[in-house]
């Protein structure tokens, strides 16, 4: 029985290791296995993507690789019975999956989005880039998150505002902002 377990643990270790290595190479080389774009119209309330299936594959690879490696190491270096070796391998695989899941949740919690929302412009000052006509829209430049953003703007009181004039953003609408001349 120990010879069969040894062969199974070797096969699991090698297969899992090779697959993880291929997955890492594809990630670092930009191949993004499972990251393709698929357009499917389904009337449901859930989101499904190719990356969810890839998460299951990564979880199984981690479980098989760590479990097989641990089982092989215990089998070769101790005199434990084979049921105890199998239980230890299963437990180590489960613990590895839990630790990996915790680590990725921690990483994702610390990520920042590079996107900005129109409401972030409220209360800021900017300068007019394209003149704002009396009852129309012009464009202003305002700094949001340390980046200059060009935004469509309307005058609060319907008065024209010329190029390079300083403005104060009073309110943010869906696709433009309401501004008033900035009095220093």
N, C-alpha and C. Protein backbone atom coordinates (compact mmCIF):
# COMPACT_ATOMS: atom_id res chain seq x y z
N UNK A 1 0.82 -1.20 0.00
CA UNK A 1 0.00 0.00 0.00
C UNK A 1 0.86 1.26 0.00
N UNK A 2 2.00 1.18 0.70
CA UNK A 2 2.87 2.36 0.75
C UNK A 2 3.45 2.69 -0.61
N UNK A 3 3.73 1.68 -1.41
CA UNK A 3 4.27 1.94 -2.75
C UNK A 3 3.23 2.65 -3.62
N UNK A 4 1.98 2.23 -3.52
CA UNK A 4 0.92 2.87 -4.30
C UNK A 4 0.72 4.31 -3.84
N UNK A 5 0.71 4.53 -2.50
CA UNK A 5 0.57 5.89 -1.98
C UNK A 5 1.73 6.77 -2.41
N UNK A 6 2.92 6.21 -2.39
CA UNK A 6 4.10 6.97 -2.81
C UNK A 6 3.97 7.40 -4.27
N UNK A 7 3.52 6.49 -5.12
CA UNK A 7 3.33 6.81 -6.54
C UNK A 7 2.24 7.87 -6.71
N UNK A 8 1.13 7.72 -5.98
CA UNK A 8 0.04 8.71 -6.06
C UNK A 8 0.49 10.08 -5.56
N UNK A 9 1.23 10.12 -4.46
CA UNK A 9 1.71 11.40 -3.94
C UNK A 9 2.70 12.04 -4.91
N UNK A 10 3.56 11.23 -5.52
CA UNK A 10 4.50 11.76 -6.52
C UNK A 10 3.74 12.32 -7.72
N UNK A 11 2.74 11.57 -8.19
CA UNK A 11 1.97 12.03 -9.34
C UNK A 11 1.23 13.33 -9.02
N UNK A 12 0.63 13.42 -7.85
CA UNK A 12 -0.06 14.65 -7.45
C UNK A 12 0.89 15.82 -7.31
N UNK A 13 2.05 15.57 -6.72
CA UNK A 13 3.04 16.63 -6.55
C UNK A 13 3.54 17.13 -7.90
N UNK A 14 3.89 16.22 -8.78
CA UNK A 14 4.41 16.62 -10.09
C UNK A 14 3.33 17.30 -10.94
N UNK A 15 2.14 16.72 -10.99
CA UNK A 15 1.07 17.30 -11.81
C UNK A 15 0.67 18.67 -11.28
N UNK A 16 0.47 18.78 -9.99
CA UNK A 16 0.10 20.07 -9.41
C UNK A 16 1.20 21.10 -9.58
N UNK A 17 2.44 20.69 -9.36
CA UNK A 17 3.56 21.62 -9.51
C UNK A 17 3.72 22.12 -10.93
N UNK A 18 3.60 21.22 -11.90
CA UNK A 18 3.72 21.62 -13.31
C UNK A 18 2.57 22.54 -13.70
N UNK A 19 1.36 22.23 -13.28
CA UNK A 19 0.21 23.07 -13.62
C UNK A 19 0.31 24.45 -12.97
N UNK A 20 0.76 24.51 -11.73
CA UNK A 20 0.95 25.81 -11.08
C UNK A 20 2.04 26.60 -11.77
N UNK A 21 3.12 25.92 -12.16
CA UNK A 21 4.20 26.59 -12.88
C UNK A 21 3.69 27.16 -14.21
N UNK A 22 2.92 26.37 -14.95
CA UNK A 22 2.34 26.86 -16.21
C UNK A 22 1.39 28.04 -15.97
N UNK A 23 0.61 27.97 -14.91
CA UNK A 23 -0.30 29.06 -14.57
C UNK A 23 0.47 30.34 -14.26
N UNK A 24 1.55 30.22 -13.46
CA UNK A 24 2.37 31.39 -13.14
C UNK A 24 3.03 31.97 -14.38
N UNK A 25 3.56 31.11 -15.25
CA UNK A 25 4.19 31.58 -16.48
C UNK A 25 3.16 32.32 -17.33
N UNK A 26 1.95 31.78 -17.43
CA UNK A 26 0.93 32.45 -18.24
C UNK A 26 0.51 33.79 -17.64
N UNK A 27 0.45 33.87 -16.32
CA UNK A 27 0.08 35.13 -15.67
C UNK A 27 1.16 36.18 -15.90
N UNK A 28 2.43 35.80 -15.67
CA UNK A 28 3.52 36.78 -15.80
C UNK A 28 3.82 37.14 -17.24
N UNK A 29 3.49 36.27 -18.18
CA UNK A 29 3.74 36.60 -19.59
C UNK A 29 2.55 37.31 -20.22
N UNK A 30 1.46 37.46 -19.47
CA UNK A 30 0.30 38.20 -19.96
C UNK A 30 -0.68 37.37 -20.75
N UNK A 31 -0.57 36.06 -20.72
CA UNK A 31 -1.50 35.23 -21.48
C UNK A 31 -2.89 35.21 -20.86
N UNK A 32 -2.99 35.35 -19.56
CA UNK A 32 -4.25 35.40 -18.84
C UNK A 32 -5.20 34.28 -19.24
N UNK A 33 -4.88 33.09 -18.85
CA UNK A 33 -5.75 31.95 -19.12
C UNK A 33 -7.09 32.20 -18.44
N UNK A 34 -8.16 32.12 -19.19
CA UNK A 34 -9.49 32.33 -18.63
C UNK A 34 -9.88 33.79 -18.57
N UNK A 35 -9.04 34.69 -19.08
CA UNK A 35 -9.35 36.11 -19.00
C UNK A 35 -9.93 36.67 -20.28
N UNK A 36 -10.46 35.82 -21.13
CA UNK A 36 -11.01 36.29 -22.40
C UNK A 36 -12.31 37.04 -22.22
N UNK A 37 -12.76 37.67 -23.29
CA UNK A 37 -14.00 38.43 -23.26
C UNK A 37 -15.09 37.64 -23.96
N UNK A 38 -16.17 37.38 -23.24
CA UNK A 38 -17.28 36.63 -23.80
C UNK A 38 -18.54 37.46 -23.62
N UNK A 39 -19.33 37.60 -24.68
CA UNK A 39 -20.57 38.37 -24.62
C UNK A 39 -21.74 37.41 -24.66
N UNK A 40 -22.42 37.28 -23.51
CA UNK A 40 -23.56 36.37 -23.39
C UNK A 40 -24.71 37.13 -22.75
N UNK A 41 -25.89 37.05 -23.32
CA UNK A 41 -27.07 37.69 -22.74
C UNK A 41 -27.89 36.65 -22.01
N UNK A 42 -27.96 36.79 -20.67
CA UNK A 42 -28.72 35.88 -19.85
C UNK A 42 -29.52 36.72 -18.86
N UNK A 43 -30.80 36.43 -18.70
CA UNK A 43 -31.64 37.19 -17.79
C UNK A 43 -31.60 36.59 -16.39
N UNK A 44 -30.53 36.90 -15.63
CA UNK A 44 -30.42 36.45 -14.25
C UNK A 44 -29.89 37.60 -13.41
N UNK A 45 -29.87 37.40 -12.11
CA UNK A 45 -29.37 38.42 -11.19
C UNK A 45 -27.94 38.13 -10.74
N UNK A 46 -27.26 37.19 -11.35
CA UNK A 46 -25.91 36.85 -10.94
C UNK A 46 -24.94 37.18 -12.04
N UNK A 47 -23.70 37.44 -11.64
CA UNK A 47 -22.62 37.68 -12.59
C UNK A 47 -21.76 36.43 -12.64
N UNK A 48 -21.47 35.96 -13.82
CA UNK A 48 -20.60 34.81 -13.98
C UNK A 48 -19.54 35.18 -14.98
N UNK A 49 -18.32 34.83 -14.65
CA UNK A 49 -17.23 35.13 -15.56
C UNK A 49 -16.27 33.98 -15.64
N UNK A 50 -15.37 34.05 -16.59
CA UNK A 50 -14.39 32.98 -16.75
C UNK A 50 -13.43 32.93 -15.58
N UNK A 51 -13.20 34.06 -14.91
CA UNK A 51 -12.25 34.08 -13.81
C UNK A 51 -12.77 33.30 -12.60
N UNK A 52 -14.09 33.15 -12.46
CA UNK A 52 -14.62 32.37 -11.35
C UNK A 52 -14.25 30.91 -11.51
N UNK A 53 -14.33 30.37 -12.71
CA UNK A 53 -13.92 29.00 -12.96
C UNK A 53 -12.43 28.83 -12.75
N UNK A 54 -11.67 29.85 -13.09
CA UNK A 54 -10.23 29.79 -12.89
C UNK A 54 -9.89 29.77 -11.41
N UNK A 55 -10.69 30.45 -10.57
CA UNK A 55 -10.47 30.42 -9.13
C UNK A 55 -10.64 29.02 -8.57
N UNK A 56 -11.60 28.28 -9.10
CA UNK A 56 -11.79 26.89 -8.67
C UNK A 56 -10.59 26.05 -9.07
N UNK A 57 -10.07 26.28 -10.27
CA UNK A 57 -8.90 25.54 -10.74
C UNK A 57 -7.70 25.83 -9.85
N UNK A 58 -7.49 27.09 -9.52
CA UNK A 58 -6.37 27.46 -8.64
C UNK A 58 -6.52 26.84 -7.27
N UNK A 59 -7.74 26.82 -6.75
CA UNK A 59 -7.98 26.22 -5.44
C UNK A 59 -7.69 24.73 -5.47
N UNK A 60 -8.16 24.04 -6.51
CA UNK A 60 -7.89 22.60 -6.62
C UNK A 60 -6.40 22.32 -6.80
N UNK A 61 -5.72 23.16 -7.59
CA UNK A 61 -4.28 22.98 -7.77
C UNK A 61 -3.54 23.15 -6.45
N UNK A 62 -3.92 24.13 -5.68
CA UNK A 62 -3.29 24.35 -4.38
C UNK A 62 -3.55 23.16 -3.47
N UNK A 63 -4.78 22.70 -3.41
CA UNK A 63 -5.14 21.57 -2.56
C UNK A 63 -4.35 20.32 -2.94
N UNK A 64 -4.34 19.99 -4.23
CA UNK A 64 -3.66 18.78 -4.69
C UNK A 64 -2.15 18.90 -4.49
N UNK A 65 -1.56 20.02 -4.85
CA UNK A 65 -0.11 20.18 -4.76
C UNK A 65 0.37 20.11 -3.32
N UNK A 66 -0.21 20.91 -2.45
CA UNK A 66 0.23 20.94 -1.05
C UNK A 66 -0.09 19.62 -0.36
N UNK A 67 -1.29 19.10 -0.60
CA UNK A 67 -1.65 17.83 0.03
C UNK A 67 -0.75 16.69 -0.42
N UNK A 68 -0.48 16.60 -1.72
CA UNK A 68 0.37 15.52 -2.22
C UNK A 68 1.81 15.68 -1.73
N UNK A 69 2.32 16.89 -1.74
CA UNK A 69 3.69 17.11 -1.28
C UNK A 69 3.82 16.77 0.20
N UNK A 70 2.86 17.20 1.01
CA UNK A 70 2.90 16.90 2.44
C UNK A 70 2.75 15.40 2.69
N UNK A 71 1.83 14.76 1.98
CA UNK A 71 1.66 13.32 2.15
C UNK A 71 2.91 12.55 1.77
N UNK A 72 3.54 12.94 0.67
CA UNK A 72 4.78 12.28 0.25
C UNK A 72 5.89 12.49 1.27
N UNK A 73 6.01 13.70 1.79
CA UNK A 73 7.05 13.98 2.78
C UNK A 73 6.82 13.19 4.06
N UNK A 74 5.58 13.11 4.52
CA UNK A 74 5.28 12.34 5.73
C UNK A 74 5.52 10.86 5.49
N UNK A 75 5.10 10.36 4.35
CA UNK A 75 5.25 8.94 4.03
C UNK A 75 6.71 8.53 3.98
N UNK A 76 7.56 9.38 3.41
CA UNK A 76 8.98 9.05 3.27
C UNK A 76 9.78 9.24 4.55
N UNK A 77 9.35 10.15 5.42
CA UNK A 77 10.18 10.51 6.57
C UNK A 77 9.65 10.04 7.92
N UNK A 78 8.51 9.38 7.94
CA UNK A 78 7.97 8.88 9.21
C UNK A 78 7.51 7.44 9.03
N UNK A 79 7.13 6.86 10.14
CA UNK A 79 6.60 5.49 10.08
C UNK A 79 5.10 5.49 10.37
N UNK A 80 4.42 6.58 10.03
CA UNK A 80 2.99 6.68 10.28
C UNK A 80 2.24 5.69 9.39
N UNK A 81 1.07 5.28 9.85
CA UNK A 81 0.23 4.39 9.04
C UNK A 81 -0.36 5.18 7.87
N UNK A 82 -0.72 4.45 6.79
CA UNK A 82 -1.20 5.15 5.60
C UNK A 82 -2.50 5.91 5.83
N UNK A 83 -3.46 5.43 6.68
CA UNK A 83 -4.65 6.27 6.91
C UNK A 83 -4.29 7.62 7.56
N UNK A 84 -3.32 7.61 8.47
CA UNK A 84 -2.90 8.84 9.12
C UNK A 84 -2.19 9.77 8.13
N UNK A 85 -1.43 9.19 7.21
CA UNK A 85 -0.76 9.99 6.18
C UNK A 85 -1.79 10.65 5.26
N UNK A 86 -2.81 9.90 4.85
CA UNK A 86 -3.85 10.45 3.97
C UNK A 86 -4.62 11.57 4.68
N UNK A 87 -4.97 11.35 5.95
CA UNK A 87 -5.68 12.39 6.70
C UNK A 87 -4.81 13.64 6.84
N UNK A 88 -3.52 13.45 7.12
CA UNK A 88 -2.61 14.60 7.25
C UNK A 88 -2.49 15.35 5.92
N UNK A 89 -2.43 14.61 4.82
CA UNK A 89 -2.34 15.25 3.50
C UNK A 89 -3.60 16.05 3.20
N UNK A 90 -4.77 15.48 3.50
CA UNK A 90 -6.03 16.20 3.28
C UNK A 90 -6.12 17.46 4.13
N UNK A 91 -5.75 17.34 5.41
CA UNK A 91 -5.79 18.50 6.30
C UNK A 91 -4.82 19.58 5.84
N UNK A 92 -3.62 19.19 5.42
CA UNK A 92 -2.65 20.20 4.97
C UNK A 92 -3.13 20.89 3.69
N UNK A 93 -3.78 20.16 2.79
CA UNK A 93 -4.34 20.77 1.58
C UNK A 93 -5.43 21.76 1.91
N UNK A 94 -6.31 21.40 2.84
CA UNK A 94 -7.39 22.30 3.25
C UNK A 94 -6.83 23.55 3.93
N UNK A 95 -5.85 23.38 4.80
CA UNK A 95 -5.23 24.53 5.48
C UNK A 95 -4.56 25.45 4.46
N UNK A 96 -3.90 24.88 3.45
CA UNK A 96 -3.25 25.70 2.42
C UNK A 96 -4.28 26.51 1.64
N UNK A 97 -5.41 25.90 1.31
CA UNK A 97 -6.47 26.62 0.59
C UNK A 97 -7.04 27.75 1.45
N UNK A 98 -7.23 27.50 2.74
CA UNK A 98 -7.75 28.53 3.64
C UNK A 98 -6.76 29.69 3.75
N UNK A 99 -5.48 29.38 3.93
CA UNK A 99 -4.46 30.43 4.03
C UNK A 99 -4.37 31.23 2.74
N UNK A 100 -4.39 30.54 1.60
CA UNK A 100 -4.33 31.23 0.31
C UNK A 100 -5.55 32.13 0.11
N UNK A 101 -6.73 31.64 0.47
CA UNK A 101 -7.94 32.45 0.36
C UNK A 101 -7.88 33.68 1.25
N UNK A 102 -7.41 33.51 2.48
CA UNK A 102 -7.26 34.64 3.39
C UNK A 102 -6.28 35.65 2.82
N UNK A 103 -5.17 35.19 2.27
CA UNK A 103 -4.14 36.07 1.72
C UNK A 103 -4.69 36.88 0.54
N UNK A 104 -5.42 36.25 -0.37
CA UNK A 104 -5.96 36.97 -1.51
C UNK A 104 -7.06 37.95 -1.10
N UNK A 105 -7.88 37.59 -0.10
CA UNK A 105 -8.87 38.55 0.40
C UNK A 105 -8.17 39.77 0.99
N UNK A 106 -7.08 39.55 1.72
CA UNK A 106 -6.31 40.66 2.29
C UNK A 106 -5.73 41.54 1.18
N UNK A 107 -5.20 40.92 0.12
CA UNK A 107 -4.66 41.69 -1.00
C UNK A 107 -5.74 42.51 -1.69
N UNK A 108 -6.89 41.90 -1.95
CA UNK A 108 -7.97 42.59 -2.64
C UNK A 108 -8.56 43.72 -1.79
N UNK A 109 -8.54 43.54 -0.47
CA UNK A 109 -9.05 44.58 0.41
C UNK A 109 -8.17 45.83 0.34
N UNK A 110 -6.90 45.67 0.04
CA UNK A 110 -5.96 46.78 0.01
C UNK A 110 -5.80 47.42 -1.37
N UNK A 111 -6.56 46.99 -2.35
CA UNK A 111 -6.41 47.58 -3.68
C UNK A 111 -7.18 48.89 -3.77
N UNK A 112 -6.73 49.74 -4.68
CA UNK A 112 -7.40 51.01 -4.92
C UNK A 112 -7.89 51.06 -6.35
N UNK A 113 -8.97 51.75 -6.55
CA UNK A 113 -9.50 51.92 -7.89
C UNK A 113 -8.94 53.20 -8.49
N UNK A 114 -8.59 53.15 -9.76
CA UNK A 114 -8.08 54.33 -10.44
C UNK A 114 -9.21 55.16 -11.04
N UNK A 115 -10.43 54.70 -10.86
CA UNK A 115 -11.58 55.42 -11.41
C UNK A 115 -11.97 56.58 -10.49
N UNK A 116 -12.61 57.55 -11.07
CA UNK A 116 -13.11 58.67 -10.27
C UNK A 116 -14.57 58.90 -10.60
N UNK A 117 -15.26 59.53 -9.67
CA UNK A 117 -16.68 59.82 -9.84
C UNK A 117 -16.87 61.33 -9.91
N UNK A 118 -17.91 61.76 -10.59
CA UNK A 118 -18.17 63.19 -10.78
C UNK A 118 -18.34 63.91 -9.44
N UNK A 119 -18.94 63.26 -8.44
CA UNK A 119 -19.18 63.91 -7.15
C UNK A 119 -17.88 64.32 -6.47
N UNK A 120 -16.76 63.70 -6.84
CA UNK A 120 -15.48 64.05 -6.22
C UNK A 120 -15.03 65.46 -6.60
N UNK A 121 -15.63 66.05 -7.62
CA UNK A 121 -15.26 67.40 -8.04
C UNK A 121 -15.95 68.47 -7.20
N UNK A 122 -17.03 68.13 -6.51
CA UNK A 122 -17.77 69.12 -5.72
C UNK A 122 -16.87 69.77 -4.68
N UNK A 123 -16.96 71.11 -4.59
CA UNK A 123 -16.19 71.85 -3.60
C UNK A 123 -14.77 72.18 -4.02
N UNK A 124 -14.36 71.76 -5.19
CA UNK A 124 -13.00 72.03 -5.68
C UNK A 124 -13.02 73.25 -6.59
N UNK A 125 -11.82 73.79 -6.79
CA UNK A 125 -11.69 74.91 -7.72
C UNK A 125 -10.97 74.42 -8.97
N UNK A 126 -11.27 75.06 -10.07
CA UNK A 126 -10.63 74.70 -11.33
C UNK A 126 -10.52 75.93 -12.20
N UNK A 127 -10.10 75.72 -13.43
CA UNK A 127 -10.01 76.84 -14.37
C UNK A 127 -10.74 76.48 -15.65
N UNK A 128 -11.29 77.50 -16.29
CA UNK A 128 -12.07 77.30 -17.51
C UNK A 128 -11.10 77.01 -18.66
N UNK A 129 -11.37 75.95 -19.38
CA UNK A 129 -10.55 75.52 -20.51
C UNK A 129 -11.21 75.95 -21.82
N UNK A 130 -12.50 75.68 -21.95
CA UNK A 130 -13.31 76.13 -23.08
C UNK A 130 -14.35 77.08 -22.49
N UNK A 131 -14.49 78.30 -23.00
CA UNK A 131 -15.41 79.28 -22.41
C UNK A 131 -16.81 78.71 -22.21
N UNK A 132 -17.41 79.11 -21.09
CA UNK A 132 -18.76 78.66 -20.76
C UNK A 132 -19.73 79.74 -21.23
N UNK A 133 -20.57 79.45 -22.25
CA UNK A 133 -21.53 80.46 -22.72
C UNK A 133 -22.64 80.69 -21.70
N UNK A 134 -23.42 81.74 -21.91
CA UNK A 134 -24.46 82.13 -20.95
C UNK A 134 -25.41 80.98 -20.61
N UNK A 135 -25.95 80.30 -21.57
CA UNK A 135 -26.88 79.21 -21.28
C UNK A 135 -26.42 77.89 -21.90
N UNK A 136 -25.12 77.68 -21.95
CA UNK A 136 -24.60 76.46 -22.55
C UNK A 136 -23.52 75.84 -21.69
N UNK A 137 -22.83 74.89 -22.29
CA UNK A 137 -21.77 74.18 -21.58
C UNK A 137 -20.41 74.54 -22.15
N UNK A 138 -19.46 74.66 -21.27
CA UNK A 138 -18.06 74.80 -21.64
C UNK A 138 -17.29 73.67 -20.99
N UNK A 139 -15.98 73.83 -20.87
CA UNK A 139 -15.18 72.78 -20.22
C UNK A 139 -14.24 73.42 -19.23
N UNK A 140 -14.05 72.72 -18.11
CA UNK A 140 -13.11 73.19 -17.10
C UNK A 140 -12.09 72.11 -16.82
N UNK A 141 -10.99 72.51 -16.21
CA UNK A 141 -9.97 71.56 -15.77
C UNK A 141 -9.90 71.65 -14.26
N UNK A 142 -10.03 70.52 -13.59
CA UNK A 142 -9.99 70.46 -12.14
C UNK A 142 -9.13 69.27 -11.72
N UNK A 143 -8.44 69.41 -10.60
CA UNK A 143 -7.58 68.32 -10.14
C UNK A 143 -8.36 67.42 -9.17
N UNK A 144 -8.47 66.14 -9.55
CA UNK A 144 -9.13 65.13 -8.72
C UNK A 144 -8.15 63.98 -8.55
N UNK A 145 -7.87 63.63 -7.31
CA UNK A 145 -6.92 62.56 -6.99
C UNK A 145 -5.56 62.82 -7.65
N UNK A 146 -5.09 64.06 -7.57
CA UNK A 146 -3.78 64.47 -8.09
C UNK A 146 -3.66 64.31 -9.61
N UNK A 147 -4.77 64.28 -10.31
CA UNK A 147 -4.76 64.19 -11.77
C UNK A 147 -5.69 65.28 -12.32
N UNK A 148 -5.22 66.00 -13.34
CA UNK A 148 -6.07 67.02 -13.97
C UNK A 148 -7.15 66.34 -14.80
N UNK A 149 -8.41 66.67 -14.50
CA UNK A 149 -9.55 66.11 -15.23
C UNK A 149 -10.25 67.22 -16.00
N UNK A 150 -10.63 66.93 -17.22
CA UNK A 150 -11.39 67.89 -18.04
C UNK A 150 -12.86 67.49 -17.97
N UNK A 151 -13.69 68.45 -17.51
CA UNK A 151 -15.10 68.16 -17.25
C UNK A 151 -15.98 69.20 -17.93
N UNK A 152 -17.11 68.77 -18.46
CA UNK A 152 -18.10 69.71 -19.00
C UNK A 152 -18.69 70.51 -17.85
N UNK A 153 -18.96 71.80 -18.09
CA UNK A 153 -19.46 72.66 -17.00
C UNK A 153 -20.50 73.65 -17.52
N UNK A 154 -21.43 73.99 -16.61
CA UNK A 154 -22.44 75.03 -16.85
C UNK A 154 -22.30 76.08 -15.76
N UNK A 155 -22.64 77.30 -16.11
CA UNK A 155 -22.59 78.39 -15.13
C UNK A 155 -23.81 78.31 -14.21
N UNK A 156 -23.60 78.57 -12.92
CA UNK A 156 -24.68 78.48 -11.93
C UNK A 156 -25.78 79.51 -12.19
N UNK A 157 -25.38 80.72 -12.53
CA UNK A 157 -26.37 81.80 -12.72
C UNK A 157 -26.63 82.11 -14.18
N UNK A 158 -26.15 81.27 -15.08
CA UNK A 158 -26.39 81.48 -16.50
C UNK A 158 -25.56 82.59 -17.11
N UNK A 159 -24.49 82.98 -16.46
CA UNK A 159 -23.63 84.05 -16.97
C UNK A 159 -22.44 83.44 -17.71
N UNK A 160 -21.92 84.10 -18.72
CA UNK A 160 -20.76 83.56 -19.43
C UNK A 160 -19.50 83.67 -18.56
N UNK A 161 -18.63 82.67 -18.70
CA UNK A 161 -17.36 82.68 -17.97
C UNK A 161 -16.27 82.42 -19.00
N UNK A 162 -15.26 83.30 -19.02
CA UNK A 162 -14.21 83.24 -20.03
C UNK A 162 -13.11 82.24 -19.73
N UNK A 163 -12.29 82.01 -20.75
CA UNK A 163 -11.16 81.09 -20.64
C UNK A 163 -10.19 81.55 -19.55
N UNK A 164 -9.60 80.60 -18.85
CA UNK A 164 -8.61 80.78 -17.78
C UNK A 164 -9.19 81.39 -16.51
N UNK A 165 -10.50 81.62 -16.45
CA UNK A 165 -11.12 82.14 -15.22
C UNK A 165 -11.15 81.03 -14.18
N UNK A 166 -10.93 81.40 -12.93
CA UNK A 166 -11.02 80.44 -11.83
C UNK A 166 -12.49 80.24 -11.48
N UNK A 167 -12.87 78.97 -11.28
CA UNK A 167 -14.26 78.66 -10.94
C UNK A 167 -14.31 77.73 -9.73
N UNK A 168 -15.44 77.79 -9.03
CA UNK A 168 -15.70 76.92 -7.89
C UNK A 168 -16.82 75.97 -8.29
N UNK A 169 -16.62 74.69 -8.05
CA UNK A 169 -17.62 73.68 -8.45
C UNK A 169 -18.66 73.58 -7.34
N UNK A 170 -19.87 73.99 -7.67
CA UNK A 170 -20.97 74.04 -6.71
C UNK A 170 -21.67 72.69 -6.60
N UNK A 171 -21.93 72.05 -7.74
CA UNK A 171 -22.71 70.82 -7.75
C UNK A 171 -22.26 69.94 -8.91
N UNK A 172 -22.33 68.64 -8.70
CA UNK A 172 -21.99 67.68 -9.76
C UNK A 172 -23.26 67.01 -10.25
N UNK A 173 -23.47 67.04 -11.55
CA UNK A 173 -24.59 66.33 -12.18
C UNK A 173 -24.02 65.04 -12.77
N UNK A 174 -24.85 64.34 -13.55
CA UNK A 174 -24.41 63.05 -14.10
C UNK A 174 -23.23 63.18 -15.05
N UNK A 175 -23.28 64.16 -15.97
CA UNK A 175 -22.20 64.26 -16.95
C UNK A 175 -21.61 65.67 -17.07
N UNK A 176 -21.92 66.53 -16.12
CA UNK A 176 -21.33 67.87 -16.09
C UNK A 176 -21.39 68.41 -14.67
N UNK A 177 -20.74 69.57 -14.45
CA UNK A 177 -20.77 70.21 -13.14
C UNK A 177 -21.33 71.62 -13.27
N UNK A 178 -21.87 72.12 -12.17
CA UNK A 178 -22.36 73.50 -12.08
C UNK A 178 -21.27 74.31 -11.38
N UNK A 179 -20.86 75.41 -12.00
CA UNK A 179 -19.76 76.21 -11.45
C UNK A 179 -20.19 77.67 -11.26
N UNK A 180 -19.46 78.34 -10.38
CA UNK A 180 -19.62 79.78 -10.22
C UNK A 180 -18.22 80.39 -10.23
N UNK A 181 -18.12 81.67 -10.64
CA UNK A 181 -16.80 82.30 -10.64
C UNK A 181 -16.20 82.27 -9.23
N UNK A 182 -14.91 81.99 -9.15
CA UNK A 182 -14.23 81.87 -7.86
C UNK A 182 -13.74 83.23 -7.42
N UNK A 183 -14.23 83.66 -6.27
CA UNK A 183 -13.84 84.95 -5.70
C UNK A 183 -12.79 84.68 -4.63
N UNK A 184 -11.62 85.25 -4.79
CA UNK A 184 -10.54 84.98 -3.81
C UNK A 184 -10.62 85.86 -2.63
